[in-house]
Protein backbone atom coordinates (compact mmCIF):
# COMPACT_ATOMS: atom_id res chain seq x y z
CA MET A 1 -0.26 0.17 0.09
CA PRO A 2 1.81 3.20 -1.33
CA VAL A 3 1.99 6.37 1.04
CA ILE A 4 2.86 9.41 -1.00
CA GLU A 5 4.18 12.45 1.28
CA CYS A 6 2.71 15.51 -0.57
CA ASP A 7 0.83 18.45 -0.40
CA VAL A 8 -2.93 16.80 -0.50
CA ASP A 9 -4.44 19.87 -2.29
CA GLU A 10 -2.08 19.76 -4.94
CA ALA A 11 -2.47 16.11 -5.27
CA ARG A 12 -6.23 16.32 -5.41
CA GLU A 13 -5.82 18.98 -8.29
CA ALA A 14 -3.31 16.77 -10.24
CA LEU A 15 -6.04 13.90 -10.04
CA ALA A 16 -8.79 16.48 -11.14
CA ASN A 17 -6.61 17.55 -14.13
CA ALA A 18 -6.13 14.03 -15.33
CA GLY A 19 -10.21 13.20 -14.99
CA VAL A 20 -10.14 11.55 -11.83
CA ILE A 21 -13.54 11.96 -9.91
CA VAL A 22 -12.61 13.00 -6.25
CA SER A 23 -15.06 13.12 -3.60
CA GLU A 24 -15.32 14.00 -0.13
CA GLY A 25 -13.45 12.12 2.81
CA LYS A 26 -15.60 9.58 4.70
CA THR A 27 -14.42 10.42 8.03
CA GLU A 28 -13.21 13.72 10.29
CA TYR A 29 -9.74 12.71 9.37
CA GLU A 30 -9.95 12.09 5.35
CA HIS A 31 -9.61 15.36 3.32
CA TRP A 32 -10.53 13.57 0.13
CA ARG A 33 -10.97 10.27 -1.38
CA ALA A 34 -10.58 9.07 -5.24
CA LYS A 35 -11.10 6.30 -7.36
CA ARG A 36 -9.43 5.39 -10.69
CA GLY A 37 -9.20 1.60 -12.04
CA ASP A 38 -8.32 -0.74 -9.30
CA ALA A 39 -7.26 1.86 -7.04
CA VAL A 40 -8.79 4.22 -4.28
CA ALA A 41 -6.40 7.43 -3.01
CA ILE A 42 -7.55 8.66 0.52
CA ALA A 43 -5.81 11.85 1.48
CA TYR A 44 -4.86 12.74 5.19
CA ASP A 45 -3.11 15.74 6.32
CA ASP A 46 0.34 15.51 4.47
CA LYS A 47 -0.14 12.26 2.52
CA VAL A 48 -2.25 10.19 0.42
CA VAL A 49 -2.62 6.31 0.89
CA VAL A 50 -3.06 4.32 -2.23
CA GLN A 51 -5.35 0.97 -1.90
CA GLY A 52 -6.37 -1.59 -4.11
CA ALA A 53 -5.24 -4.15 -6.69
CA ASN A 54 -3.67 -1.75 -8.80
CA PRO A 55 -2.32 1.15 -6.83
CA GLN A 56 -0.54 2.46 -9.96
CA ASP A 57 -3.57 3.48 -11.17
CA ILE A 58 -3.21 6.45 -9.37
CA GLU A 59 0.15 6.47 -7.81
CA ALA A 60 1.41 7.21 -11.65
CA LEU A 61 -0.52 10.42 -11.42
CA LEU A 62 1.05 11.74 -8.51
CA SER A 63 4.33 10.98 -9.41
CA ASP A 64 7.08 13.25 -10.10
CA ALA A 65 9.05 10.52 -12.13
CA GLY A 66 10.33 11.81 -15.25
CA GLY A 67 13.67 10.96 -16.94
CA HIS A 68 13.89 7.61 -18.52
CA ALA A 69 12.49 4.25 -18.41
CA TYR A 70 12.74 1.05 -19.98
CA VAL A 71 9.19 -0.83 -20.89
CA TYR A 72 8.82 -4.35 -21.13
CA PHE A 73 5.67 -5.52 -22.40
CA ASP A 74 4.12 -9.54 -23.16
CA GLY A 75 0.88 -10.73 -23.95
CA GLY A 76 -0.67 -14.35 -24.45
CA SER A 77 -3.55 -16.46 -24.75
CA HIS A 78 -4.63 -20.04 -24.03
CA GLY A 79 -5.77 -20.66 -27.68
CA ASN A 80 -5.67 -18.46 -30.47
CA PRO A 81 -8.31 -16.86 -29.85
CA GLY A 82 -8.62 -17.80 -26.00
CA PRO A 83 -8.65 -16.53 -22.70
CA ALA A 84 -5.98 -13.81 -22.89
CA ALA A 85 -3.94 -11.55 -20.58
CA THR A 86 -1.34 -8.79 -20.56
CA GLY A 87 1.78 -8.40 -18.52
CA TRP A 88 4.49 -5.41 -18.54
CA VAL A 89 6.96 -3.85 -16.33
CA ILE A 90 8.26 -0.30 -16.37
CA VAL A 91 12.15 -0.40 -14.47
CA THR A 92 14.51 2.55 -14.04
CA SER A 93 18.07 2.78 -12.46
CA ASP A 94 16.32 2.56 -9.00
CA GLY A 95 14.59 -0.91 -10.01
CA ILE A 96 10.71 -1.82 -10.82
CA ALA A 97 9.20 1.41 -10.92
CA ALA A 98 5.32 -0.19 -11.79
CA GLU A 99 4.47 -3.42 -13.30
CA GLY A 100 0.91 -4.90 -13.88
CA GLY A 101 -0.74 -7.89 -15.32
CA GLU A 102 -4.74 -8.51 -16.03
CA ARG A 103 -6.78 -11.17 -18.00
CA ILE A 104 -8.53 -9.31 -21.00
CA GLY A 105 -10.87 -11.70 -22.11
CA ARG A 106 -10.87 -13.41 -25.31
CA ALA A 107 -8.19 -12.53 -27.64
CA THR A 108 -5.50 -13.78 -30.04
CA ASN A 109 -1.76 -13.69 -28.99
CA ASN A 110 -1.31 -10.56 -31.20
CA GLN A 111 -3.98 -8.80 -29.94
CA ALA A 112 -2.74 -9.52 -26.21
CA GLU A 113 0.74 -8.39 -27.19
CA TYR A 114 -0.65 -4.92 -28.29
CA GLU A 115 -2.81 -4.35 -25.58
CA ALA A 116 0.07 -5.15 -23.21
CA LEU A 117 2.04 -2.45 -24.98
CA VAL A 118 -0.66 -0.03 -24.69
CA GLN A 119 -1.15 -0.50 -21.23
CA ALA A 120 2.32 -0.42 -20.52
CA LEU A 121 2.76 2.82 -22.35
CA GLU A 122 -0.21 4.63 -20.68
CA ALA A 123 1.66 3.44 -17.18
CA ALA A 124 4.86 4.98 -18.51
CA ARG A 125 2.79 8.35 -19.44
CA ASP A 126 0.74 8.48 -16.47
CA TYR A 127 4.27 8.19 -14.40
CA GLY A 128 5.35 10.98 -16.43
CA PHE A 129 8.52 9.39 -18.26
CA ASP A 130 10.13 11.56 -20.76
CA THR A 131 12.10 9.03 -22.68
CA VAL A 132 11.39 5.22 -23.02
CA ASP A 133 13.30 2.17 -24.51
CA VAL A 134 10.34 -0.39 -24.93
CA LYS A 135 11.21 -3.99 -25.30
CA GLY A 136 9.12 -6.96 -26.08
CA ASP A 137 9.28 -10.65 -27.49
CA SER A 138 6.78 -10.18 -30.14
CA GLN A 139 8.82 -9.71 -33.44
CA LEU A 140 5.20 -9.27 -34.93
CA VAL A 141 4.32 -6.23 -32.80
CA VAL A 142 7.76 -4.68 -33.05
CA LYS A 143 7.91 -4.87 -36.67
CA GLN A 144 4.44 -3.55 -37.42
CA VAL A 145 4.65 -0.55 -34.98
CA THR A 146 8.08 0.51 -36.40
CA GLY A 147 6.65 0.27 -40.13
CA ALA A 148 9.13 -2.97 -41.39
CA TRP A 149 5.88 -4.97 -41.78
CA LYS A 150 2.44 -4.05 -42.90
CA THR A 151 -0.59 -4.22 -40.57
CA ASN A 152 -3.46 -5.91 -42.49
CA ASP A 153 -5.78 -7.00 -39.71
CA PRO A 154 -8.03 -4.09 -38.83
CA LYS A 155 -7.93 -4.69 -35.05
CA LEU A 156 -4.27 -4.85 -34.72
CA ARG A 157 -4.35 -1.88 -37.26
CA GLU A 158 -6.36 0.04 -34.86
CA LYS A 159 -3.95 -0.90 -31.77
CA ARG A 160 -0.95 0.01 -33.75
CA VAL A 161 -2.30 3.59 -34.35
CA ARG A 162 -3.00 3.90 -30.27
CA VAL A 163 0.68 2.54 -29.90
CA ARG A 164 2.24 5.19 -32.58
CA GLU A 165 0.26 8.07 -30.56
CA LEU A 166 1.38 7.21 -27.13
CA LEU A 167 5.01 6.85 -28.32
CA ASP A 168 4.67 10.19 -29.87
CA GLY A 169 4.02 11.86 -26.68
CA PHE A 170 7.42 10.89 -25.29
CA ASP A 171 10.53 13.07 -26.18
CA THR A 172 12.43 10.03 -27.48
CA TRP A 173 11.57 6.59 -27.61
CA SER A 174 12.83 3.06 -29.15
CA LEU A 175 11.26 -0.14 -29.69
CA LYS A 176 13.06 -3.33 -30.04
CA HIS A 177 12.68 -7.17 -30.18
CA VAL A 178 14.14 -9.35 -27.54
CA PRO A 179 14.48 -13.03 -26.48
CA ARG A 180 11.72 -14.30 -24.23
CA GLU A 181 14.40 -14.83 -21.52
CA VAL A 182 15.09 -10.82 -21.51
CA ASN A 183 11.59 -10.50 -20.95
CA GLU A 184 11.00 -12.85 -18.23
CA ARG A 185 9.05 -10.62 -15.59
CA ALA A 186 6.51 -9.50 -18.13
CA ASP A 187 6.00 -13.10 -19.35
CA LYS A 188 5.72 -14.14 -15.80
CA LEU A 189 2.71 -11.44 -15.10
CA VAL A 190 1.17 -12.70 -18.21
CA ASN A 191 1.15 -16.69 -16.95
CA GLU A 192 0.10 -15.46 -13.57
CA ALA A 193 -2.94 -13.58 -14.62
CA LEU A 194 -3.85 -16.34 -16.91
CA ASP A 195 -3.71 -18.89 -13.91
CA ASP A 196 -5.62 -16.73 -11.80
CA GLY A 197 -8.71 -16.59 -13.85
């Protein structure tokens, strides 16, 4: 459960500016509460406590991260299509800044890979990173996003456009194919999400 020491009025404003609904606190000690995704933030005198299954849904918006991050993504499905999940990890020189993995319903392997990349880039954006080096073990996604291969599938084409929009929001970025061993943590998050379903 992350505890963020901050000016709670500035934190409230940052969340409101990001489109998060902020409501009044439920006790005399709570200044306000906010919910985004699977996270709930509760503001006290000089700190915000973030709870829930995915605290990074709010923590990212209150972070002053900036700087550079390495972003790893992976997706997979049991069957093609079949039950699918995503996994992603954001790493800085200080270690893992954020990670996530979740089931996304029925999808193909390629759709799950693209969705994992979208989720990872949205998290990196929310954390405020300026530059990203993105790595994944899906050669298809990397080649399509970088323009080396055509994207014929309309669903994948739509995801590719979204990925490019997100990438263009960073000062600089790179996207590279890596062997599965290099992408081990993201792969593990995918498998954990599939096993939990």
